[in-house]
C-alpha atoms as a PDB file:
ATOM      1  CA  MET A   1     -11.161-164.437 126.230  1.00  0.00           C
ATOM      2  CA  VAL A   2      -8.713-163.663 128.986  1.00  0.00           C
ATOM      3  CA  LEU A   3      -7.990-160.285 127.385  1.00  0.00           C
ATOM      4  CA  LEU A   4     -11.126-158.963 129.068  1.00  0.00           C
ATOM      5  CA  PHE A   5      -9.364-159.268 132.401  1.00  0.00           C
ATOM      6  CA  LEU A   6      -6.110-157.740 131.183  1.00  0.00           C
ATOM      7  CA  ILE A   7      -7.533-154.329 130.333  1.00  0.00           C
ATOM      8  CA  PRO A   8      -6.761-152.739 133.706  1.00  0.00           C
ATOM      9  CA  VAL A   9      -3.067-153.459 133.223  1.00  0.00           C
ATOM     10  CA  ILE A  10      -2.853-152.279 129.618  1.00  0.00           C
ATOM     11  CA  ALA A  11      -1.345-148.787 129.780  1.00  0.00           C
ATOM     12  CA  PHE A  12       0.370-146.507 127.313  1.00  0.00           C
ATOM     13  CA  THR A  13       2.060-143.156 127.786  1.00  0.00           C
ATOM     14  CA  VAL A  14       0.416-140.863 125.248  1.00  0.00           C
ATOM     15  CA  ASN A  15       1.207-137.247 124.428  1.00  0.00           C
ATOM     16  CA  THR A  16      -1.833-135.997 122.514  1.00  0.00           C
ATOM     17  CA  SER A  17      -0.919-132.302 122.267  1.00  0.00           C
ATOM     18  CA  VAL A  18      -0.203-130.726 118.895  1.00  0.00           C
ATOM     19  CA  ALA A  19       2.846-128.922 117.593  1.00  0.00           C
ATOM     20  CA  TYR A  20       3.660-125.281 118.412  1.00  0.00           C
ATOM     21  CA  SER A  21       2.939-124.092 114.911  1.00  0.00           C
ATOM     22  CA  GLN A  22      -0.503-124.616 113.419  1.00  0.00           C
ATOM     23  CA  SER A  23       1.010-124.597 109.924  1.00  0.00           C
ATOM     24  CA  GLY A  24       2.779-127.545 108.360  1.00  0.00           C
ATOM     25  CA  ASP A  25       2.119-131.268 108.596  1.00  0.00           C
ATOM     26  CA  LEU A  26       1.501-133.024 111.885  1.00  0.00           C
ATOM     27  CA  TYR A  27       2.656-136.569 112.507  1.00  0.00           C
ATOM     28  CA  ARG A  28       1.806-139.242 115.021  1.00  0.00           C
ATOM     29  CA  ILE A  29       4.852-141.315 115.997  1.00  0.00           C
ATOM     30  CA  GLU A  30       4.343-144.456 118.079  1.00  0.00           C
ATOM     31  CA  THR A  31       7.375-146.088 119.645  1.00  0.00           C
ATOM     32  CA  THR A  32       7.943-149.759 120.339  1.00  0.00           C
ATOM     33  CA  ASP A  33       7.433-149.201 124.090  1.00  0.00           C
ATOM     34  CA  GLY A  34       3.958-147.719 123.557  1.00  0.00           C
ATOM     35  CA  ASN A  35       4.699-143.988 123.747  1.00  0.00           C
ATOM     36  CA  VAL A  36       2.931-141.708 121.269  1.00  0.00           C
ATOM     37  CA  PHE A  37       4.218-138.279 120.176  1.00  0.00           C
ATOM     38  CA  ILE A  38       2.231-135.835 118.044  1.00  0.00           C
ATOM     39  CA  GLY A  39       3.856-132.812 116.433  1.00  0.00           C
ATOM     40  CA  GLN A  40       5.946-131.499 113.563  1.00  0.00           C
ATOM     41  CA  ILE A  41       9.028-133.304 112.323  1.00  0.00           C
ATOM     42  CA  ILE A  42      11.761-130.664 112.311  1.00  0.00           C
ATOM     43  CA  SER A  43      14.648-132.883 111.181  1.00  0.00           C
ATOM     44  CA  GLU A  44      15.423-136.498 110.376  1.00  0.00           C
ATOM     45  CA  ASP A  45      18.205-138.721 109.083  1.00  0.00           C
ATOM     46  CA  ASP A  46      18.857-142.446 108.716  1.00  0.00           C
ATOM     47  CA  ASN A  47      19.258-142.908 112.465  1.00  0.00           C
ATOM     48  CA  GLU A  48      16.751-140.638 114.191  1.00  0.00           C
ATOM     49  CA  ILE A  49      13.806-138.274 113.904  1.00  0.00           C
ATOM     50  CA  VAL A  50      13.396-135.018 115.827  1.00  0.00           C
ATOM     51  CA  ILE A  51       9.794-134.006 116.514  1.00  0.00           C
ATOM     52  CA  ARG A  52       8.553-130.843 118.223  1.00  0.00           C
ATOM     53  CA  THR A  53       5.482-131.157 120.448  1.00  0.00           C
ATOM     54  CA  GLU A  54       3.625-128.487 122.371  1.00  0.00           C
ATOM     55  CA  SER A  55       3.774-129.893 125.907  1.00  0.00           C
ATOM     56  CA  ILE A  56       7.255-131.397 126.179  1.00  0.00           C
ATOM     57  CA  GLY A  57       9.086-129.549 123.430  1.00  0.00           C
ATOM     58  CA  THR A  58      11.638-131.226 121.158  1.00  0.00           C
ATOM     59  CA  VAL A  59      12.024-134.995 121.290  1.00  0.00           C
ATOM     60  CA  THR A  60      14.647-137.109 119.512  1.00  0.00           C
ATOM     61  CA  ILE A  61      13.556-140.647 118.627  1.00  0.00           C
ATOM     62  CA  HIS A  62      15.858-143.345 117.254  1.00  0.00           C
ATOM     63  CA  ARG A  63      14.394-145.069 114.211  1.00  0.00           C
ATOM     64  CA  ASN A  64      14.981-148.491 115.758  1.00  0.00           C
ATOM     65  CA  ASN A  65      12.491-147.505 118.466  1.00  0.00           C
ATOM     66  CA  ILE A  66       9.728-146.391 116.074  1.00  0.00           C
ATOM     67  CA  ARG A  67       6.757-148.685 115.474  1.00  0.00           C
ATOM     68  CA  SER A  68       4.800-146.396 113.128  1.00  0.00           C
ATOM     69  CA  ILE A  69       4.710-142.885 111.658  1.00  0.00           C
ATOM     70  CA  THR A  70       1.338-141.538 110.516  1.00  0.00           C
ATOM     71  CA  LEU A  71       0.429-138.248 108.869  1.00  0.00           C
ATOM     72  CA  ILE A  72      -2.474-136.720 110.818  1.00  0.00           C
ATOM     73  CA  ASP A  73      -5.590-135.334 109.194  1.00  0.00           C
ATOM     74  CA  GLN A  74      -5.683-131.708 110.400  1.00  0.00           C
ATOM     75  CA  SER A  75      -9.444-131.954 110.910  1.00  0.00           C
ATOM     76  CA  ARG A  76      -8.753-134.293 113.838  1.00  0.00           C
ATOM     77  CA  ILE A  77      -7.188-131.455 115.823  1.00  0.00           C
ATOM     78  CA  ARG A  78      -9.998-129.927 117.858  1.00  0.00           C
ATOM     79  CA  ASP A  79      -9.345-127.144 120.358  1.00  0.00           C
ATOM     80  CA  GLY A  80      -5.672-128.077 120.311  1.00  0.00           C
ATOM     81  CA  VAL A  81      -6.316-131.758 121.115  1.00  0.00           C
ATOM     82  CA  TYR A  82      -5.883-134.752 118.800  1.00  0.00           C
ATOM     83  CA  TRP A  83      -9.035-136.827 118.312  1.00  0.00           C
ATOM     84  CA  TYR A  84      -7.748-140.283 117.393  1.00  0.00           C
ATOM     85  CA  SER A  85      -9.533-142.502 114.886  1.00  0.00           C
ATOM     86  CA  ASN A  86     -12.440-144.660 115.988  1.00  0.00           C
ATOM     87  CA  PRO A  87     -10.844-147.948 117.154  1.00  0.00           C
ATOM     88  CA  GLN A  88     -14.023-149.864 116.261  1.00  0.00           C
ATOM     89  CA  ALA A  89     -15.640-148.100 113.294  1.00  0.00           C
ATOM     90  CA  THR A  90     -16.918-151.122 111.366  1.00  0.00           C
ATOM     91  CA  ARG A  91     -19.330-152.597 113.911  1.00  0.00           C
ATOM     92  CA  TYR A  92     -21.920-151.456 116.436  1.00  0.00           C
ATOM     93  CA  PHE A  93     -22.537-153.704 119.449  1.00  0.00           C
ATOM     94  CA  PHE A  94     -22.534-156.753 117.193  1.00  0.00           C
ATOM     95  CA  ALA A  95     -24.095-155.813 113.842  1.00  0.00           C
ATOM     96  CA  PRO A  96     -21.622-154.744 111.143  1.00  0.00           C
ATOM     97  CA  ASN A  97     -21.971-151.615 109.021  1.00  0.00           C
ATOM     98  CA  ALA A  98     -20.809-151.157 105.416  1.00  0.00           C
ATOM     99  CA  ILE A  99     -17.529-149.438 106.320  1.00  0.00           C
ATOM    100  CA  GLY A 100     -14.574-151.694 105.588  1.00  0.00           C
ATOM    101  CA  LEU A 101     -11.659-152.695 107.759  1.00  0.00           C
ATOM    102  CA  GLU A 102      -8.436-151.237 106.399  1.00  0.00           C
ATOM    103  CA  LYS A 103      -5.927-153.629 104.870  1.00  0.00           C
ATOM    104  CA  ARG A 104      -3.734-155.409 107.450  1.00  0.00           C
ATOM    105  CA  LYS A 105      -5.774-154.070 110.346  1.00  0.00           C
ATOM    106  CA  GLY A 106      -8.068-156.056 112.565  1.00  0.00           C
ATOM    107  CA  TYR A 107      -9.623-156.357 115.969  1.00  0.00           C
ATOM    108  CA  TYR A 108     -10.442-158.825 118.709  1.00  0.00           C
ATOM    109  CA  GLN A 109     -13.893-158.486 120.272  1.00  0.00           C
ATOM    110  CA  ASN A 110     -15.020-160.145 123.478  1.00  0.00           C
ATOM    111  CA  THR A 111     -18.578-160.029 124.815  1.00  0.00           C
ATOM    112  CA  TRP A 112     -19.440-161.267 128.281  1.00  0.00           C
ATOM    113  CA  VAL A 113     -16.223-163.339 128.343  1.00  0.00           C
ATOM    114  CA  PHE A 114     -17.769-166.255 126.417  1.00  0.00           C
ATOM    115  CA  PHE A 115     -18.323-164.742 122.958  1.00  0.00           C
ATOM    116  CA  ASN A 116     -15.135-164.125 120.990  1.00  0.00           C
ATOM    117  CA  ASN A 117     -14.670-162.586 117.514  1.00  0.00           C
ATOM    118  CA  VAL A 118     -11.541-161.816 115.506  1.00  0.00           C
ATOM    119  CA  ASN A 119     -11.721-159.899 112.208  1.00  0.00           C
ATOM    120  CA  TYR A 120      -8.936-158.947 109.792  1.00  0.00           C
ATOM    121  CA  GLY A 121      -8.779-156.721 106.716  1.00  0.00           C
ATOM    122  CA  VAL A 122      -7.421-158.787 103.813  1.00  0.00           C
ATOM    123  CA  SER A 123      -7.816-155.674 101.651  1.00  0.00           C
ATOM    124  CA  ASP A 124      -9.543-152.323 102.062  1.00  0.00           C
ATOM    125  CA  ASN A 125     -12.668-153.906 100.555  1.00  0.00           C
ATOM    126  CA  PHE A 126     -12.658-157.411 102.010  1.00  0.00           C
ATOM    127  CA  SER A 127     -12.353-158.704 105.557  1.00  0.00           C
ATOM    128  CA  VAL A 128     -12.754-162.115 107.095  1.00  0.00           C
ATOM    129  CA  GLY A 129     -13.227-163.166 110.668  1.00  0.00           C
ATOM    130  CA  GLY A 130     -14.287-165.928 112.947  1.00  0.00           C
ATOM    131  CA  GLY A 131     -15.756-166.504 116.351  1.00  0.00           C
ATOM    132  CA  ILE A 132     -16.093-169.118 119.029  1.00  0.00           C
ATOM    133  CA  VAL A 133     -17.837-169.822 122.316  1.00  0.00           C
ATOM    134  CA  PRO A 134     -15.184-172.008 124.005  1.00  0.00           C
ATOM    135  CA  LEU A 135     -17.512-174.314 125.920  1.00  0.00           C
ATOM    136  CA  PHE A 136     -14.835-177.021 125.791  1.00  0.00           C
ATOM    137  CA  LEU A 137     -13.054-175.125 128.564  1.00  0.00           C
ATOM    138  CA  PHE A 138     -15.922-176.121 130.819  1.00  0.00           C
ATOM    139  CA  GLY A 139     -16.017-179.775 129.804  1.00  0.00           C
ATOM    140  CA  ALA A 140     -18.756-179.473 127.163  1.00  0.00           C
ATOM    141  CA  SER A 141     -18.560-181.788 124.159  1.00  0.00           C
ATOM    142  CA  SER A 142     -19.824-179.219 121.629  1.00  0.00           C
ATOM    143  CA  THR A 143     -18.434-175.800 120.668  1.00  0.00           C
ATOM    144  CA  PRO A 144     -20.282-173.136 118.625  1.00  0.00           C
ATOM    145  CA  VAL A 145     -18.127-171.497 115.935  1.00  0.00           C
ATOM    146  CA  TRP A 146     -18.786-169.084 113.054  1.00  0.00           C
ATOM    147  CA  ILE A 147     -17.066-167.409 110.078  1.00  0.00           C
ATOM    148  CA  LEU A 148     -17.611-163.734 109.182  1.00  0.00           C
ATOM    149  CA  PRO A 149     -16.749-162.735 105.582  1.00  0.00           C
ATOM    150  CA  LYS A 150     -17.616-159.168 104.495  1.00  0.00           C
ATOM    151  CA  VAL A 151     -17.148-157.021 101.377  1.00  0.00           C
ATOM    152  CA  SER A 152     -17.339-153.221 101.500  1.00  0.00           C
ATOM    153  CA  PHE A 153     -17.533-150.586  98.770  1.00  0.00           C
ATOM    154  CA  PRO A 154     -17.114-146.842  99.435  1.00  0.00           C
ATOM    155  CA  ILE A 155     -19.499-145.118  97.008  1.00  0.00           C
ATOM    156  CA  ALA A 156     -18.808-141.575  98.236  1.00  0.00           C
ATOM    157  CA  LYS A 157     -15.953-141.059 100.709  1.00  0.00           C
ATOM    158  CA  ASP A 158     -17.220-140.449 104.252  1.00  0.00           C
ATOM    159  CA  LYS A 159     -20.781-140.219 102.926  1.00  0.00           C
ATOM    160  CA  LEU A 160     -22.030-143.543 101.573  1.00  0.00           C
ATOM    161  CA  HIS A 161     -20.830-147.150 101.786  1.00  0.00           C
ATOM    162  CA  LEU A 162     -22.412-150.392 100.609  1.00  0.00           C
ATOM    163  CA  GLY A 163     -21.527-153.867 101.813  1.00  0.00           C
ATOM    164  CA  ALA A 164     -22.540-157.496 102.048  1.00  0.00           C
ATOM    165  CA  GLY A 165     -21.528-160.421 104.171  1.00  0.00           C
ATOM    166  CA  ALA A 166     -22.529-163.464 106.124  1.00  0.00           C
ATOM    167  CA  MET A 167     -22.384-165.188 109.456  1.00  0.00           C
ATOM    168  CA  ILE A 168     -21.775-168.870 108.720  1.00  0.00           C
ATOM    169  CA  GLY A 169     -22.134-170.931 111.861  1.00  0.00           C
ATOM    170  CA  GLY A 170     -22.021-174.466 113.154  1.00  0.00           C
ATOM    171  CA  VAL A 171     -21.329-176.569 116.214  1.00  0.00           C
ATOM    172  CA  ILE A 172     -18.173-178.642 116.524  1.00  0.00           C
ATOM    173  CA  GLY A 173     -18.739-181.949 118.286  1.00  0.00           C
ATOM    174  CA  ALA A 174     -22.454-182.167 117.579  1.00  0.00           C
ATOM    175  CA  GLU A 175     -24.537-183.429 114.695  1.00  0.00           C
ATOM    176  CA  SER A 176     -26.317-180.313 113.498  1.00  0.00           C
ATOM    177  CA  ASP A 177     -26.994-178.477 110.256  1.00  0.00           C
ATOM    178  CA  PRO A 178     -25.000-175.330 109.483  1.00  0.00           C
ATOM    179  CA  LEU A 179     -26.910-172.155 110.195  1.00  0.00           C
ATOM    180  CA  GLY A 180     -26.402-168.438 109.892  1.00  0.00           C
ATOM    181  CA  ILE A 181     -27.444-165.362 107.971  1.00  0.00           C
ATOM    182  CA  PHE A 182     -26.613-163.582 104.708  1.00  0.00           C
ATOM    183  CA  TYR A 183     -27.011-159.797 104.619  1.00  0.00           C
ATOM    184  CA  GLY A 184     -26.631-156.617 102.628  1.00  0.00           C
ATOM    185  CA  VAL A 185     -26.031-153.256 104.301  1.00  0.00           C
ATOM    186  CA  GLY A 186     -25.847-149.557 103.432  1.00  0.00           C
ATOM    187  CA  THR A 187     -24.197-146.931 105.637  1.00  0.00           C
ATOM    188  CA  ILE A 188     -24.560-143.151 105.471  1.00  0.00           C
ATOM    189  CA  GLY A 189     -21.861-141.105 107.203  1.00  0.00           C
ATOM    190  CA  ASN A 190     -18.246-141.488 108.296  1.00  0.00           C
ATOM    191  CA  ARG A 191     -16.361-143.501 110.913  1.00  0.00           C
ATOM    192  CA  ASP A 192     -17.395-141.184 113.754  1.00  0.00           C
ATOM    193  CA  LYS A 193     -21.044-140.584 112.857  1.00  0.00           C
ATOM    194  CA  ASN A 194     -23.147-142.933 110.763  1.00  0.00           C
ATOM    195  CA  LEU A 195     -26.460-144.689 110.250  1.00  0.00           C
ATOM    196  CA  SER A 196     -26.864-148.164 108.719  1.00  0.00           C
ATOM    197  CA  VAL A 197     -29.793-150.140 107.350  1.00  0.00           C
ATOM    198  CA  ALA A 198     -29.295-153.858 106.667  1.00  0.00           C
ATOM    199  CA  ILE A 199     -31.505-156.670 105.456  1.00  0.00           C
ATOM    200  CA  GLY A 200     -30.680-160.313 106.094  1.00  0.00           C
ATOM    201  CA  TYR A 201     -32.055-163.790 105.516  1.00  0.00           C
ATOM    202  CA  GLY A 202     -31.353-166.602 107.919  1.00  0.00           C
ATOM    203  CA  TYR A 203     -30.773-170.204 106.917  1.00  0.00           C
ATOM    204  CA  ALA A 204     -30.473-173.609 108.522  1.00  0.00           C
ATOM    205  CA  GLY A 205     -29.199-176.535 106.477  1.00  0.00           C
ATOM    206  CA  ASN A 206     -30.660-176.172 102.978  1.00  0.00           C
ATOM    207  CA  GLU A 207     -33.601-174.053 104.114  1.00  0.00           C
ATOM    208  CA  VAL A 208     -33.534-170.262 103.707  1.00  0.00           C
ATOM    209  CA  SER A 209     -36.011-168.096 105.566  1.00  0.00           C
ATOM    210  CA  SER A 210     -38.639-166.359 103.441  1.00  0.00           C
ATOM    211  CA  THR A 211     -38.959-163.600 106.044  1.00  0.00           C
ATOM    212  CA  PRO A 212     -36.210-160.961 106.157  1.00  0.00           C
ATOM    213  CA  LEU A 213     -34.647-159.514 109.284  1.00  0.00           C
ATOM    214  CA  ILE A 214     -34.162-155.739 109.202  1.00  0.00           C
ATOM    215  CA  ASN A 215     -31.402-154.047 111.192  1.00  0.00           C
ATOM    216  CA  VAL A 216     -31.220-150.285 111.774  1.00  0.00           C
ATOM    217  CA  SER A 217     -28.152-149.136 113.726  1.00  0.00           C
ATOM    218  CA  GLY A 218     -26.237-145.938 114.317  1.00  0.00           C
ATOM    219  CA  MET A 219     -23.403-144.307 116.217  1.00  0.00           C
ATOM    220  CA  ILE A 220     -22.388-140.732 116.941  1.00  0.00           C
ATOM    221  CA  ARG A 221     -19.238-139.413 118.572  1.00  0.00           C
ATOM    222  CA  VAL A 222     -20.096-136.953 121.331  1.00  0.00           C
ATOM    223  CA  SER A 223     -16.602-136.386 122.763  1.00  0.00           C
ATOM    224  CA  ARG A 224     -13.013-137.439 122.240  1.00  0.00           C
ATOM    225  CA  ARG A 225     -13.603-140.748 124.024  1.00  0.00           C
ATOM    226  CA  VAL A 226     -17.359-141.380 123.975  1.00  0.00           C
ATOM    227  CA  TYR A 227     -19.798-142.591 121.304  1.00  0.00           C
ATOM    228  CA  LEU A 228     -23.528-143.213 121.606  1.00  0.00           C
ATOM    229  CA  LEU A 229     -24.774-146.459 119.999  1.00  0.00           C
ATOM    230  CA  SER A 230     -28.084-147.971 119.033  1.00  0.00           C
ATOM    231  CA  GLU A 231     -28.656-151.360 117.372  1.00  0.00           C
ATOM    232  CA  ASN A 232     -32.195-152.472 116.511  1.00  0.00           C
ATOM    233  CA  TYR A 233     -33.791-155.504 114.827  1.00  0.00           C
ATOM    234  CA  PHE A 234     -37.212-155.798 113.174  1.00  0.00           C
ATOM    235  CA  ILE A 235     -39.244-158.561 111.541  1.00  0.00           C
ATOM    236  CA  PRO A 236     -41.496-156.802 108.981  1.00  0.00           C
ATOM    237  CA  GLU A 237     -44.199-159.456 109.036  1.00  0.00           C
ATOM    238  CA  ALA A 238     -44.590-159.018 112.778  1.00  0.00           C
ATOM    239  CA  GLY A 239     -45.216-155.264 112.681  1.00  0.00           C
ATOM    240  CA  LEU A 240     -43.235-153.345 115.293  1.00  0.00           C
ATOM    241  CA  THR A 241     -42.084-156.487 117.066  1.00  0.00           C
ATOM    242  CA  GLY A 242     -38.344-156.665 117.476  1.00  0.00           C
ATOM    243  CA  ILE A 243     -35.404-155.864 119.716  1.00  0.00           C
ATOM    244  CA  GLY A 244     -33.968-152.405 120.389  1.00  0.00           C
ATOM    245  CA  SER A 245     -30.883-151.180 122.202  1.00  0.00           C
ATOM    246  CA  LEU A 246     -29.243-148.066 123.545  1.00  0.00           C
ATOM    247  CA  GLY A 247     -25.749-147.701 124.922  1.00  0.00           C
ATOM    248  CA  ALA A 248     -22.356-146.097 124.691  1.00  0.00           C
ATOM    249  CA  ARG A 249     -18.770-146.823 123.728  1.00  0.00           C
ATOM    250  CA  TRP A 250     -15.802-145.553 125.715  1.00  0.00           C
ATOM    251  CA  THR A 251     -12.565-145.550 123.747  1.00  0.00           C
ATOM    252  CA  SER A 252      -8.855-144.950 123.775  1.00  0.00           C
ATOM    253  CA  GLU A 253      -6.544-145.404 120.801  1.00  0.00           C
ATOM    254  CA  ASN A 254      -5.887-148.997 121.826  1.00  0.00           C
ATOM    255  CA  PHE A 255      -9.197-150.430 122.985  1.00  0.00           C
ATOM    256  CA  ALA A 256     -12.924-149.753 123.287  1.00  0.00           C
ATOM    257  CA  VAL A 257     -15.535-150.780 125.848  1.00  0.00           C
ATOM    258  CA  ASP A 258     -19.215-151.085 124.859  1.00  0.00           C
ATOM    259  CA  PHE A 259     -22.045-151.141 127.354  1.00  0.00           C
ATOM    260  CA  GLY A 260     -25.760-150.981 126.743  1.00  0.00           C
ATOM    261  CA  LEU A 261     -29.184-152.502 127.213  1.00  0.00           C
ATOM    262  CA  PHE A 262     -31.138-154.735 124.790  1.00  0.00           C
ATOM    263  CA  SER A 263     -34.891-155.007 125.234  1.00  0.00           C
ATOM    264  CA  PRO A 264     -37.996-156.098 123.279  1.00  0.00           C
ATOM    265  CA  LEU A 265     -39.423-153.024 121.564  1.00  0.00           C
ATOM    266  CA  GLU A 266     -42.800-153.426 123.237  1.00  0.00           C
ATOM    267  CA  ASP A 267     -41.064-153.176 126.641  1.00  0.00           C
ATOM    268  CA  PHE A 268     -38.362-150.714 125.657  1.00  0.00           C
ATOM    269  CA  ASP A 269     -39.764-147.784 127.642  1.00  0.00           C
ATOM    270  CA  SER A 270     -39.585-149.852 130.830  1.00  0.00           C
ATOM    271  CA  LEU A 271     -35.771-150.027 130.698  1.00  0.00           C
ATOM    272  CA  ILE A 272     -35.946-153.724 131.470  1.00  0.00           C
ATOM    273  CA  GLY A 273     -33.768-155.918 129.308  1.00  0.00           C
ATOM    274  CA  VAL A 274     -30.491-157.729 128.840  1.00  0.00           C
ATOM    275  CA  PRO A 275     -27.307-155.739 129.581  1.00  0.00           C
ATOM    276  CA  TRP A 276     -24.452-155.751 127.075  1.00  0.00           C
ATOM    277  CA  LEU A 277     -20.760-155.539 127.910  1.00  0.00           C
ATOM    278  CA  GLY A 278     -18.132-155.916 125.230  1.00  0.00           C
ATOM    279  CA  VAL A 279     -14.460-155.096 124.706  1.00  0.00           C
ATOM    280  CA  THR A 280     -12.647-154.463 121.428  1.00  0.00           C
ATOM    281  CA  ILE A 281      -8.866-154.421 121.005  1.00  0.00           C
ATOM    282  CA  PRO A 282      -7.609-153.349 117.552  1.00  0.00           C
ATOM    283  CA  PHE A 283      -4.354-154.608 116.072  1.00  0.00           C
ATOM    284  CA  GLY A 284      -2.338-154.388 112.877  1.00  0.00           C
ATOM    285  CA  ARG A 285      -0.350-151.820 110.968  1.00  0.00           C
END
C-alpha cells in the first residue's frame, strides 16, 4: 500500500539507445544499481562484459554487477529507440485478459491506496495471486481478502490466447459466505495491442448466479510510454445496462500508472463517473 507514495523517489538511470551497427544481436543489460545498457556485446570473459552503445560508446561491466542480460527482439527498436515490454500486459484496469504472466515474474497493483493485489507466474500458463483491503489498519474488525488463480493458453503466438480463472473472496473477522466470480476469457492480439471478451458467473455461498456478466476490454499502445485502455461490463438480460470506462496507462520499464473514468453506460456521454487511479510495479526475473 505504501508503495503508491514511494513512486516519486523510485528512479533508474536508463540508456535506451541502440548499438552503432544495425546488424547483429542487441542485448539489454541491467546492473544491480539499476542502470540499463542496450547495445552489442563486443567481448566478454568470466569477469566482465564489454558492450557498445550508441550514446555513450563502449562500456565495461563486471559480471558481479549484472542483474540480468536479455536478448532484445529487433522489432522493438523503433526509429533508433528501444520500446520496452509492456510492464502490465495481463490486465486492464482490473479485469484480466487471457495473456499469461511469464514464469517467475509478477506484479504488485495498488488502486486508490486501499485495494492491493499481488500476482505471480508459477509457470508460463498458470499464475496465482491475492488481494486485500487492509481495513484493520484503521481499527476495523473485518478485512476483505481474495485469491486470484488463472490459467492461460496461447493458441497462436501474439494472435490468440484463451484463459480461465476466478476471484475467490471472503471477509476475515466476519461471519459471511464466500463470494466471487468464475470466468473464461479470449484475447485477440499481442501484449501491446489486444481485445478481450470474457464471460463470468458470480457466486455467494452455494448459490451461483444464472445470469452471466460479460466483459469487453481492450488496450492499444500509442507511444513508447502511453497506452489507451477501455474496460466495460454488461448484463445481457438488462439490455445495454452496464458500466463503461475510458482511460490511459503511462509506463516505464519498472512501473505503470493507470488513470481513467468509470461510468454507467446510460450516462457515459456525460463524462460523469468514478475516477480510477492505479499503480503497478512488476518484479521477478
